[in-house]
Amino acid sequence: MATATADDVRLDGNGGVIAVADPSEPGVDYGLTDADIEGYIDDAAFEAAQANSDYSEWSTERKRQLEKYYAAFLIRSLADKPISSTSRETASVTYEGDSLTIDQLRRKVDDRDPSGQLATMRDTDRYTGSTNR
């Protein structure tokens, strides 16, 4: 069971890490509800437990820290669409708010994940050999 909450992830919450628009607020027609964020937190908790065999023995605070940063990483890399500016010349994207970038979130997850598996993108299904047959 997840220990982190939507407020742990949402920047305007208590100790949140990324800015995520809340569509329940007046005038906002995009973003993620608390229920959406909690779905990502549940996924983060499940994946953390799968990657770390001793996860059930971790303290509540240690679990919460990994879950909030990993959920934020998942949101930022998979679902976060609110963009305040873009630039084709520099291939850059600016997200709403003053929140952590994907690379910063990846480092935060790596710091908290002893398995080293959660924030690492690996493509193991593709053949990468050098011989052509």
N, C-alpha and C. Protein backbone atom coordinates (compact mmCIF):
# COMPACT_ATOMS: atom_id res chain seq x y z
N MET A 1 0.84 -1.18 0.00
CA MET A 1 0.00 0.00 0.00
C MET A 1 0.88 1.25 0.00
N ALA A 2 0.51 2.21 -0.81
CA ALA A 2 1.29 3.44 -0.95
C ALA A 2 1.24 4.28 0.32
N THR A 3 2.34 4.94 0.61
CA THR A 3 2.40 5.82 1.78
C THR A 3 2.39 7.29 1.39
N ALA A 4 2.79 7.60 0.15
CA ALA A 4 2.79 8.99 -0.32
C ALA A 4 1.37 9.41 -0.69
N THR A 5 1.15 10.72 -0.76
CA THR A 5 -0.16 11.27 -1.13
C THR A 5 0.02 12.25 -2.29
N ALA A 6 -1.08 12.68 -2.86
CA ALA A 6 -1.03 13.65 -3.95
C ALA A 6 -0.37 14.95 -3.49
N ASP A 7 -0.58 15.35 -2.24
CA ASP A 7 0.07 16.57 -1.73
C ASP A 7 1.58 16.42 -1.65
N ASP A 8 2.08 15.19 -1.50
CA ASP A 8 3.53 14.96 -1.49
C ASP A 8 4.12 15.21 -2.88
N VAL A 9 3.33 14.97 -3.91
CA VAL A 9 3.79 15.11 -5.29
C VAL A 9 3.53 16.51 -5.83
N ARG A 10 2.33 17.03 -5.62
CA ARG A 10 1.93 18.34 -6.15
C ARG A 10 2.70 19.45 -5.44
N LEU A 11 3.34 20.32 -6.23
CA LEU A 11 4.23 21.36 -5.70
C LEU A 11 3.55 22.26 -4.67
N ASP A 12 2.28 22.55 -4.86
CA ASP A 12 1.60 23.43 -3.91
C ASP A 12 1.14 22.67 -2.66
N GLY A 13 1.43 21.39 -2.62
CA GLY A 13 1.11 20.59 -1.43
C GLY A 13 2.22 20.71 -0.40
N ASN A 14 2.13 19.96 0.65
CA ASN A 14 3.12 19.99 1.72
C ASN A 14 4.33 19.15 1.31
N GLY A 15 5.39 19.83 0.85
CA GLY A 15 6.60 19.11 0.47
C GLY A 15 6.55 18.54 -0.93
N GLY A 16 5.66 19.04 -1.79
CA GLY A 16 5.54 18.53 -3.14
C GLY A 16 6.77 18.82 -3.98
N VAL A 17 6.88 18.12 -5.11
CA VAL A 17 8.09 18.22 -5.91
C VAL A 17 7.88 18.72 -7.34
N ILE A 18 6.67 18.59 -7.91
CA ILE A 18 6.45 19.11 -9.26
C ILE A 18 5.14 19.88 -9.33
N ALA A 19 5.11 20.84 -10.25
CA ALA A 19 3.89 21.61 -10.47
C ALA A 19 2.98 20.80 -11.39
N VAL A 20 1.79 20.51 -10.92
CA VAL A 20 0.79 19.79 -11.71
C VAL A 20 -0.51 20.56 -11.58
N ALA A 21 -1.03 20.99 -12.72
CA ALA A 21 -2.29 21.74 -12.71
C ALA A 21 -3.42 20.85 -12.18
N ASP A 22 -4.34 21.45 -11.45
CA ASP A 22 -5.48 20.73 -10.89
C ASP A 22 -6.74 21.17 -11.63
N PRO A 23 -7.33 20.27 -12.44
CA PRO A 23 -8.51 20.66 -13.23
C PRO A 23 -9.74 20.96 -12.39
N SER A 24 -9.72 20.68 -11.10
CA SER A 24 -10.87 21.01 -10.26
C SER A 24 -10.87 22.48 -9.84
N GLU A 25 -9.76 23.19 -10.11
CA GLU A 25 -9.70 24.61 -9.78
C GLU A 25 -10.40 25.42 -10.87
N PRO A 26 -11.03 26.53 -10.50
CA PRO A 26 -11.75 27.36 -11.48
C PRO A 26 -10.82 27.86 -12.59
N GLY A 27 -11.28 27.75 -13.82
CA GLY A 27 -10.52 28.25 -14.96
C GLY A 27 -9.44 27.31 -15.47
N VAL A 28 -9.28 26.15 -14.88
CA VAL A 28 -8.25 25.21 -15.31
C VAL A 28 -8.94 24.03 -15.97
N ASP A 29 -8.60 23.78 -17.24
CA ASP A 29 -9.24 22.68 -17.96
C ASP A 29 -8.25 21.60 -18.38
N TYR A 30 -7.13 21.51 -17.71
CA TYR A 30 -6.12 20.50 -17.99
C TYR A 30 -5.47 20.09 -16.67
N GLY A 31 -4.62 19.10 -16.71
CA GLY A 31 -3.90 18.69 -15.51
C GLY A 31 -4.37 17.36 -14.98
N LEU A 32 -4.01 17.10 -13.73
CA LEU A 32 -4.32 15.83 -13.08
C LEU A 32 -5.04 16.08 -11.76
N THR A 33 -6.07 15.32 -11.52
CA THR A 33 -6.76 15.40 -10.23
C THR A 33 -5.93 14.66 -9.19
N ASP A 34 -6.29 14.82 -7.93
CA ASP A 34 -5.61 14.07 -6.87
C ASP A 34 -5.75 12.57 -7.09
N ALA A 35 -6.91 12.13 -7.59
CA ALA A 35 -7.11 10.71 -7.86
C ALA A 35 -6.16 10.22 -8.96
N ASP A 36 -5.94 11.05 -9.98
CA ASP A 36 -4.99 10.70 -11.04
C ASP A 36 -3.58 10.54 -10.47
N ILE A 37 -3.18 11.50 -9.64
CA ILE A 37 -1.85 11.47 -9.04
C ILE A 37 -1.71 10.25 -8.13
N GLU A 38 -2.74 9.95 -7.36
CA GLU A 38 -2.69 8.79 -6.48
C GLU A 38 -2.57 7.49 -7.27
N GLY A 39 -3.10 7.46 -8.49
CA GLY A 39 -2.90 6.31 -9.36
C GLY A 39 -1.43 6.11 -9.70
N TYR A 40 -0.75 7.21 -10.00
CA TYR A 40 0.69 7.14 -10.26
C TYR A 40 1.46 6.73 -9.01
N ILE A 41 1.02 7.21 -7.86
CA ILE A 41 1.67 6.83 -6.59
C ILE A 41 1.49 5.34 -6.34
N ASP A 42 0.30 4.82 -6.58
CA ASP A 42 0.07 3.38 -6.42
C ASP A 42 0.98 2.57 -7.35
N ASP A 43 1.11 3.03 -8.59
CA ASP A 43 2.01 2.36 -9.53
C ASP A 43 3.45 2.41 -9.04
N ALA A 44 3.85 3.58 -8.52
CA ALA A 44 5.22 3.74 -8.02
C ALA A 44 5.47 2.79 -6.84
N ALA A 45 4.50 2.69 -5.94
CA ALA A 45 4.65 1.79 -4.79
C ALA A 45 4.74 0.34 -5.24
N PHE A 46 3.91 -0.05 -6.19
CA PHE A 46 3.93 -1.42 -6.71
C PHE A 46 5.28 -1.74 -7.35
N GLU A 47 5.74 -0.84 -8.22
CA GLU A 47 7.01 -1.07 -8.91
C GLU A 47 8.19 -1.06 -7.95
N ALA A 48 8.13 -0.20 -6.92
CA ALA A 48 9.19 -0.18 -5.92
C ALA A 48 9.25 -1.50 -5.15
N ALA A 49 8.09 -2.03 -4.82
CA ALA A 49 8.03 -3.31 -4.11
C ALA A 49 8.54 -4.45 -4.99
N GLN A 50 8.26 -4.39 -6.29
CA GLN A 50 8.75 -5.42 -7.21
C GLN A 50 10.26 -5.35 -7.39
N ALA A 51 10.81 -4.15 -7.37
CA ALA A 51 12.25 -3.96 -7.60
C ALA A 51 13.09 -4.18 -6.36
N ASN A 52 12.50 -4.02 -5.18
CA ASN A 52 13.24 -4.12 -3.92
C ASN A 52 12.60 -5.18 -3.03
N SER A 53 13.26 -6.30 -2.88
CA SER A 53 12.67 -7.42 -2.15
C SER A 53 12.41 -7.11 -0.68
N ASP A 54 13.15 -6.17 -0.11
CA ASP A 54 12.97 -5.83 1.30
C ASP A 54 12.10 -4.60 1.51
N TYR A 55 11.36 -4.19 0.48
CA TYR A 55 10.56 -2.96 0.52
C TYR A 55 9.57 -2.95 1.69
N SER A 56 8.98 -4.09 2.00
CA SER A 56 8.01 -4.15 3.10
C SER A 56 8.64 -3.84 4.46
N GLU A 57 9.95 -3.96 4.55
CA GLU A 57 10.66 -3.69 5.80
C GLU A 57 11.13 -2.24 5.92
N TRP A 58 11.01 -1.47 4.85
CA TRP A 58 11.44 -0.08 4.87
C TRP A 58 10.56 0.73 5.82
N SER A 59 11.11 1.82 6.35
CA SER A 59 10.32 2.71 7.19
C SER A 59 9.29 3.44 6.31
N THR A 60 8.24 3.92 6.94
CA THR A 60 7.18 4.64 6.22
C THR A 60 7.75 5.86 5.50
N GLU A 61 8.64 6.60 6.14
CA GLU A 61 9.21 7.80 5.53
C GLU A 61 10.08 7.45 4.33
N ARG A 62 10.85 6.40 4.42
CA ARG A 62 11.70 5.98 3.30
C ARG A 62 10.83 5.58 2.10
N LYS A 63 9.75 4.86 2.34
CA LYS A 63 8.83 4.50 1.26
C LYS A 63 8.20 5.75 0.65
N ARG A 64 7.75 6.66 1.52
CA ARG A 64 7.08 7.88 1.05
C ARG A 64 8.01 8.70 0.15
N GLN A 65 9.27 8.80 0.54
CA GLN A 65 10.23 9.57 -0.25
C GLN A 65 10.42 8.97 -1.64
N LEU A 66 10.61 7.66 -1.71
CA LEU A 66 10.79 7.01 -3.01
C LEU A 66 9.51 7.11 -3.84
N GLU A 67 8.37 6.86 -3.23
CA GLU A 67 7.10 6.90 -3.95
C GLU A 67 6.80 8.28 -4.52
N LYS A 68 7.04 9.34 -3.74
CA LYS A 68 6.69 10.67 -4.24
C LYS A 68 7.59 11.08 -5.39
N TYR A 69 8.89 10.79 -5.31
CA TYR A 69 9.78 11.16 -6.39
C TYR A 69 9.58 10.28 -7.62
N TYR A 70 9.32 8.99 -7.40
CA TYR A 70 9.11 8.11 -8.54
C TYR A 70 7.77 8.42 -9.22
N ALA A 71 6.73 8.70 -8.46
CA ALA A 71 5.45 9.10 -9.05
C ALA A 71 5.61 10.41 -9.83
N ALA A 72 6.34 11.36 -9.27
CA ALA A 72 6.59 12.63 -9.98
C ALA A 72 7.37 12.38 -11.27
N PHE A 73 8.34 11.47 -11.22
CA PHE A 73 9.10 11.10 -12.41
C PHE A 73 8.17 10.50 -13.47
N LEU A 74 7.28 9.60 -13.05
CA LEU A 74 6.34 8.98 -13.99
C LEU A 74 5.41 10.03 -14.60
N ILE A 75 4.90 10.92 -13.78
CA ILE A 75 4.00 11.97 -14.27
C ILE A 75 4.74 12.87 -15.25
N ARG A 76 5.91 13.33 -14.86
CA ARG A 76 6.67 14.25 -15.71
C ARG A 76 7.05 13.59 -17.03
N SER A 77 7.39 12.31 -17.02
CA SER A 77 7.84 11.66 -18.24
C SER A 77 6.71 11.08 -19.08
N LEU A 78 5.55 10.80 -18.47
CA LEU A 78 4.47 10.15 -19.21
C LEU A 78 3.23 11.02 -19.41
N ALA A 79 2.87 11.85 -18.45
CA ALA A 79 1.56 12.50 -18.50
C ALA A 79 1.58 14.02 -18.45
N ASP A 80 2.69 14.61 -18.10
CA ASP A 80 2.71 16.05 -17.86
C ASP A 80 2.72 16.82 -19.18
N LYS A 81 1.63 17.51 -19.47
CA LYS A 81 1.50 18.24 -20.72
C LYS A 81 1.47 19.77 -20.57
N PRO A 82 1.17 20.33 -19.39
CA PRO A 82 1.09 21.78 -19.30
C PRO A 82 2.41 22.46 -19.65
N ILE A 83 2.40 23.22 -20.72
CA ILE A 83 3.61 23.89 -21.20
C ILE A 83 3.35 25.39 -21.23
N SER A 84 4.27 26.14 -20.64
CA SER A 84 4.10 27.58 -20.69
C SER A 84 4.86 28.19 -21.86
N SER A 85 5.91 27.52 -22.36
CA SER A 85 6.62 28.02 -23.53
C SER A 85 7.42 26.89 -24.17
N THR A 86 7.64 27.04 -25.47
CA THR A 86 8.47 26.08 -26.19
C THR A 86 9.38 26.85 -27.14
N SER A 87 10.43 26.20 -27.59
CA SER A 87 11.34 26.81 -28.53
C SER A 87 11.85 25.74 -29.49
N ARG A 88 11.63 25.94 -30.77
CA ARG A 88 12.13 24.98 -31.76
C ARG A 88 13.63 25.13 -31.96
N GLU A 89 14.12 26.34 -31.85
CA GLU A 89 15.53 26.60 -32.09
C GLU A 89 16.42 25.87 -31.09
N THR A 90 16.02 25.86 -29.84
CA THR A 90 16.84 25.22 -28.81
C THR A 90 16.29 23.87 -28.38
N ALA A 91 15.20 23.44 -28.98
CA ALA A 91 14.56 22.16 -28.63
C ALA A 91 14.30 22.05 -27.13
N SER A 92 13.80 23.13 -26.56
CA SER A 92 13.54 23.13 -25.13
C SER A 92 12.06 23.28 -24.85
N VAL A 93 11.65 22.79 -23.70
CA VAL A 93 10.27 22.88 -23.26
C VAL A 93 10.28 23.37 -21.83
N THR A 94 9.39 24.30 -21.52
CA THR A 94 9.28 24.80 -20.16
C THR A 94 7.94 24.37 -19.60
N TYR A 95 7.97 23.67 -18.46
CA TYR A 95 6.75 23.24 -17.81
C TYR A 95 6.27 24.32 -16.86
N GLU A 96 5.02 24.24 -16.49
CA GLU A 96 4.47 25.20 -15.54
C GLU A 96 5.17 25.09 -14.21
N GLY A 97 5.28 26.21 -13.55
CA GLY A 97 5.79 26.20 -12.18
C GLY A 97 7.30 26.07 -12.10
N ASP A 98 7.77 26.03 -10.89
CA ASP A 98 9.19 25.95 -10.60
C ASP A 98 9.50 24.56 -10.07
N SER A 99 9.36 23.56 -10.90
CA SER A 99 9.51 22.20 -10.40
C SER A 99 10.72 21.52 -11.00
N LEU A 100 10.99 20.32 -10.55
CA LEU A 100 12.16 19.57 -10.95
C LEU A 100 12.03 19.06 -12.39
N THR A 101 13.15 19.01 -13.09
CA THR A 101 13.19 18.47 -14.45
C THR A 101 13.20 16.94 -14.37
N ILE A 102 13.04 16.29 -15.52
CA ILE A 102 13.07 14.83 -15.56
C ILE A 102 14.42 14.32 -15.06
N ASP A 103 15.52 14.94 -15.48
CA ASP A 103 16.84 14.49 -15.03
C ASP A 103 17.01 14.66 -13.52
N GLN A 104 16.51 15.76 -12.97
CA GLN A 104 16.58 15.96 -11.52
C GLN A 104 15.74 14.92 -10.79
N LEU A 105 14.55 14.63 -11.31
CA LEU A 105 13.70 13.61 -10.70
C LEU A 105 14.35 12.24 -10.79
N ARG A 106 14.96 11.93 -11.93
CA ARG A 106 15.65 10.65 -12.09
C ARG A 106 16.74 10.49 -11.03
N ARG A 107 17.52 11.56 -10.79
CA ARG A 107 18.57 11.51 -9.76
C ARG A 107 17.97 11.32 -8.37
N LYS A 108 16.86 11.99 -8.08
CA LYS A 108 16.20 11.84 -6.77
C LYS A 108 15.73 10.40 -6.58
N VAL A 109 15.16 9.80 -7.63
CA VAL A 109 14.72 8.41 -7.53
C VAL A 109 15.93 7.49 -7.36
N ASP A 110 16.97 7.71 -8.17
CA ASP A 110 18.17 6.88 -8.07
C ASP A 110 18.78 6.94 -6.68
N ASP A 111 18.75 8.12 -6.06
CA ASP A 111 19.29 8.27 -4.70
C ASP A 111 18.52 7.45 -3.68
N ARG A 112 17.25 7.19 -3.95
CA ARG A 112 16.38 6.52 -2.98
C ARG A 112 16.09 5.06 -3.32
N ASP A 113 16.51 4.61 -4.50
CA ASP A 113 16.20 3.26 -4.97
C ASP A 113 17.46 2.40 -4.99
N PRO A 114 17.64 1.55 -3.99
CA PRO A 114 18.84 0.72 -3.96
C PRO A 114 18.92 -0.30 -5.09
N SER A 115 17.79 -0.64 -5.70
CA SER A 115 17.82 -1.61 -6.80
C SER A 115 18.39 -0.98 -8.07
N GLY A 116 18.31 0.35 -8.19
CA GLY A 116 18.79 1.04 -9.38
C GLY A 116 17.97 0.74 -10.63
N GLN A 117 16.76 0.23 -10.47
CA GLN A 117 15.95 -0.19 -11.62
C GLN A 117 14.82 0.77 -11.97
N LEU A 118 14.34 1.57 -11.05
CA LEU A 118 13.09 2.28 -11.27
C LEU A 118 13.16 3.42 -12.28
N ALA A 119 14.16 4.27 -12.20
CA ALA A 119 14.21 5.43 -13.09
C ALA A 119 15.13 5.20 -14.28
N THR A 120 15.48 3.96 -14.53
CA THR A 120 16.38 3.63 -15.63
C THR A 120 15.56 3.12 -16.80
N MET A 121 15.77 3.73 -17.95
CA MET A 121 15.08 3.30 -19.15
C MET A 121 15.98 2.30 -19.88
N ARG A 122 15.51 1.10 -20.02
CA ARG A 122 16.27 0.07 -20.72
C ARG A 122 15.41 -0.54 -21.81
N ASP A 123 16.02 -0.78 -22.97
CA ASP A 123 15.33 -1.45 -24.06
C ASP A 123 15.99 -2.81 -24.24
N THR A 124 15.41 -3.83 -23.63
CA THR A 124 16.01 -5.17 -23.67
C THR A 124 15.36 -6.04 -24.74
N ASP A 125 14.35 -5.53 -25.43
CA ASP A 125 13.66 -6.33 -26.43
C ASP A 125 14.24 -6.17 -27.84
N ARG A 126 15.19 -5.30 -27.98
CA ARG A 126 15.70 -5.01 -29.32
C ARG A 126 17.08 -5.63 -29.51
N TYR A 127 17.31 -6.22 -30.67
CA TYR A 127 18.62 -6.78 -31.00
C TYR A 127 19.56 -5.65 -31.38
N THR A 128 20.71 -5.59 -30.73
CA THR A 128 21.66 -4.51 -30.99
C THR A 128 23.01 -5.05 -31.43
N GLY A 129 23.05 -6.27 -31.94
CA GLY A 129 24.30 -6.86 -32.40
C GLY A 129 24.85 -6.14 -33.62
N SER A 130 26.12 -6.36 -33.91
CA SER A 130 26.76 -5.65 -35.00
C SER A 130 26.82 -6.46 -36.29
N THR A 131 26.45 -7.73 -36.24
CA THR A 131 26.51 -8.53 -37.46
C THR A 131 25.16 -8.51 -38.16
N ASN A 132 25.20 -8.44 -39.46
CA ASN A 132 23.99 -8.40 -40.26
C ASN A 132 23.84 -9.73 -40.97
N ARG A 133 22.76 -10.40 -40.75
CA ARG A 133 22.54 -11.72 -41.38
C ARG A 133 21.41 -11.65 -42.34
